[in-house]
């Protein structure tokens, strides 16, 4: 693999955790292997590995974008990642307030339900 892939895999493991990445890797087939390589190199090896923003900041931006665009299927995964990125529940709450103002209350409201449930599973919120 490439240096970007190796860097991406290290960043991906650091943010999402080994267990998550190991499950994703085990579920990879010949069909979706090119996609897994693409996201590992592109998202994790390039964007998430850049030095100009902290992992906390990238985490908050990612959660806000997922919520704003209605890509809720990945919200829980990125909430779990906050345990590794340093984004606090208060940070995430503030990001969802921005989503509500700039992308719409329904999007933020739905994301907040996922966020609350995920934090409850993590033992972070009652």
Protein backbone atom coordinates (compact mmCIF):
# COMPACT_ATOMS: atom_id res chain seq x y z
CA UNK A 1 0.00 0.00 0.00
CA UNK A 2 0.96 3.67 -0.22
CA UNK A 3 2.34 6.01 2.44
CA UNK A 4 -1.00 7.83 2.36
CA UNK A 5 -2.82 4.55 3.02
CA UNK A 6 -0.53 3.73 5.95
CA UNK A 7 -0.91 7.25 7.38
CA UNK A 8 -4.67 7.03 6.85
CA UNK A 9 -4.95 3.67 8.56
CA UNK A 10 -2.98 4.98 11.55
CA UNK A 11 -5.22 8.06 11.77
CA UNK A 12 -8.38 6.00 11.27
CA UNK A 13 -7.38 3.63 14.08
CA UNK A 14 -6.47 6.54 16.33
CA UNK A 15 -9.84 8.25 15.80
CA UNK A 16 -12.27 5.33 15.46
CA UNK A 17 -10.41 2.76 17.54
CA UNK A 18 -8.89 -0.58 16.61
CA UNK A 19 -12.07 -2.57 17.29
CA UNK A 20 -14.14 -0.51 14.84
CA UNK A 21 -11.49 -0.60 12.12
CA UNK A 22 -10.89 -4.32 12.63
CA UNK A 23 -14.63 -4.99 12.19
CA UNK A 24 -14.72 -2.84 9.05
CA UNK A 25 -11.65 -4.56 7.64
CA UNK A 26 -13.10 -8.02 8.38
CA UNK A 27 -16.31 -7.06 6.57
CA UNK A 28 -14.47 -5.79 3.49
CA UNK A 29 -14.99 -7.86 0.36
CA UNK A 30 -13.42 -7.80 -3.09
CA UNK A 31 -16.41 -5.69 -4.14
CA UNK A 32 -15.91 -2.84 -1.64
CA UNK A 33 -12.13 -3.07 -1.12
CA UNK A 34 -11.48 -0.20 -3.58
CA UNK A 35 -13.93 1.98 -1.62
CA UNK A 36 -12.22 1.13 1.69
CA UNK A 37 -8.85 2.04 0.17
CA UNK A 38 -10.30 5.28 -1.18
CA UNK A 39 -11.69 6.42 2.21
CA UNK A 40 -8.57 5.30 4.06
CA UNK A 41 -6.33 7.30 1.72
CA UNK A 42 -8.65 10.21 0.96
CA UNK A 43 -10.53 10.91 4.16
CA UNK A 44 -8.16 9.51 6.76
CA UNK A 45 -4.78 9.78 5.02
CA UNK A 46 -5.33 13.25 3.63
CA UNK A 47 -8.02 15.34 5.33
CA UNK A 48 -7.98 13.83 8.83
CA UNK A 49 -4.17 13.69 8.82
CA UNK A 50 -3.59 17.36 8.00
CA UNK A 51 -1.92 19.38 10.78
CA UNK A 52 -3.93 22.62 10.50
CA UNK A 53 -6.93 21.55 12.60
CA UNK A 54 -6.98 19.45 15.74
CA UNK A 55 -8.72 16.10 15.85
CA UNK A 56 -11.27 17.71 18.18
CA UNK A 57 -12.04 20.39 15.59
CA UNK A 58 -12.27 17.87 12.76
CA UNK A 59 -14.55 15.72 14.88
CA UNK A 60 -16.95 18.61 15.48
CA UNK A 61 -16.91 19.66 11.83
CA UNK A 62 -17.60 16.09 10.77
CA UNK A 63 -20.52 15.68 13.18
CA UNK A 64 -22.01 19.00 12.12
CA UNK A 65 -21.71 18.12 8.43
CA UNK A 66 -23.19 14.66 8.91
CA UNK A 67 -26.15 16.13 10.80
CA UNK A 68 -26.62 19.06 8.42
CA UNK A 69 -26.62 16.84 5.36
CA UNK A 70 -28.88 14.25 6.96
CA UNK A 71 -26.21 11.53 6.86
CA UNK A 72 -27.33 10.24 10.22
CA UNK A 73 -26.15 6.67 9.68
CA UNK A 74 -22.59 7.74 10.57
CA UNK A 75 -23.40 10.09 13.46
CA UNK A 76 -23.17 7.39 16.15
CA UNK A 77 -19.79 6.22 14.86
CA UNK A 78 -18.39 9.74 15.04
CA UNK A 79 -19.92 10.34 18.48
CA UNK A 80 -18.12 7.22 19.70
CA UNK A 81 -14.95 8.63 18.15
CA UNK A 82 -15.17 11.71 20.39
CA UNK A 83 -13.71 9.51 23.14
CA UNK A 84 -10.50 9.62 21.07
CA UNK A 85 -10.69 13.10 19.55
CA UNK A 86 -11.25 15.14 22.70
CA UNK A 87 -14.59 16.61 21.61
CA UNK A 88 -16.79 16.83 24.69
CA UNK A 89 -20.55 16.37 24.89
CA UNK A 90 -20.76 20.13 25.41
CA UNK A 91 -18.75 20.71 22.22
CA UNK A 92 -21.06 18.39 20.29
CA UNK A 93 -24.14 20.10 21.73
CA UNK A 94 -22.81 23.47 20.54
CA UNK A 95 -22.14 22.06 17.08
CA UNK A 96 -25.74 20.83 16.90
CA UNK A 97 -26.99 24.32 17.83
CA UNK A 98 -25.08 25.59 14.79
CA UNK A 99 -26.64 22.86 12.68
CA UNK A 100 -30.10 23.90 13.88
CA UNK A 101 -29.53 27.53 12.91
CA UNK A 102 -27.74 26.99 9.61
CA UNK A 103 -29.16 23.69 8.33
CA UNK A 104 -32.48 23.32 10.10
CA UNK A 105 -33.98 22.26 13.39
CA UNK A 106 -35.28 18.89 12.13
CA UNK A 107 -31.79 17.79 11.07
CA UNK A 108 -30.25 18.84 14.37
CA UNK A 109 -33.11 17.36 16.38
CA UNK A 110 -32.78 13.97 14.71
CA UNK A 111 -29.00 13.98 15.15
CA UNK A 112 -29.40 14.91 18.82
CA UNK A 113 -31.54 11.82 19.38
CA UNK A 114 -28.78 9.66 17.93
CA UNK A 115 -26.13 11.54 19.89
CA UNK A 116 -27.98 11.17 23.20
CA UNK A 117 -28.57 7.46 22.65
CA UNK A 118 -24.93 6.91 21.69
CA UNK A 119 -23.61 8.83 24.70
CA UNK A 120 -25.97 6.81 26.91
CA UNK A 121 -24.54 3.57 25.45
CA UNK A 122 -21.05 4.91 26.14
CA UNK A 123 -21.99 5.73 29.73
CA UNK A 124 -21.27 9.41 29.13
CA UNK A 125 -24.85 10.66 29.65
CA UNK A 126 -27.59 9.14 31.82
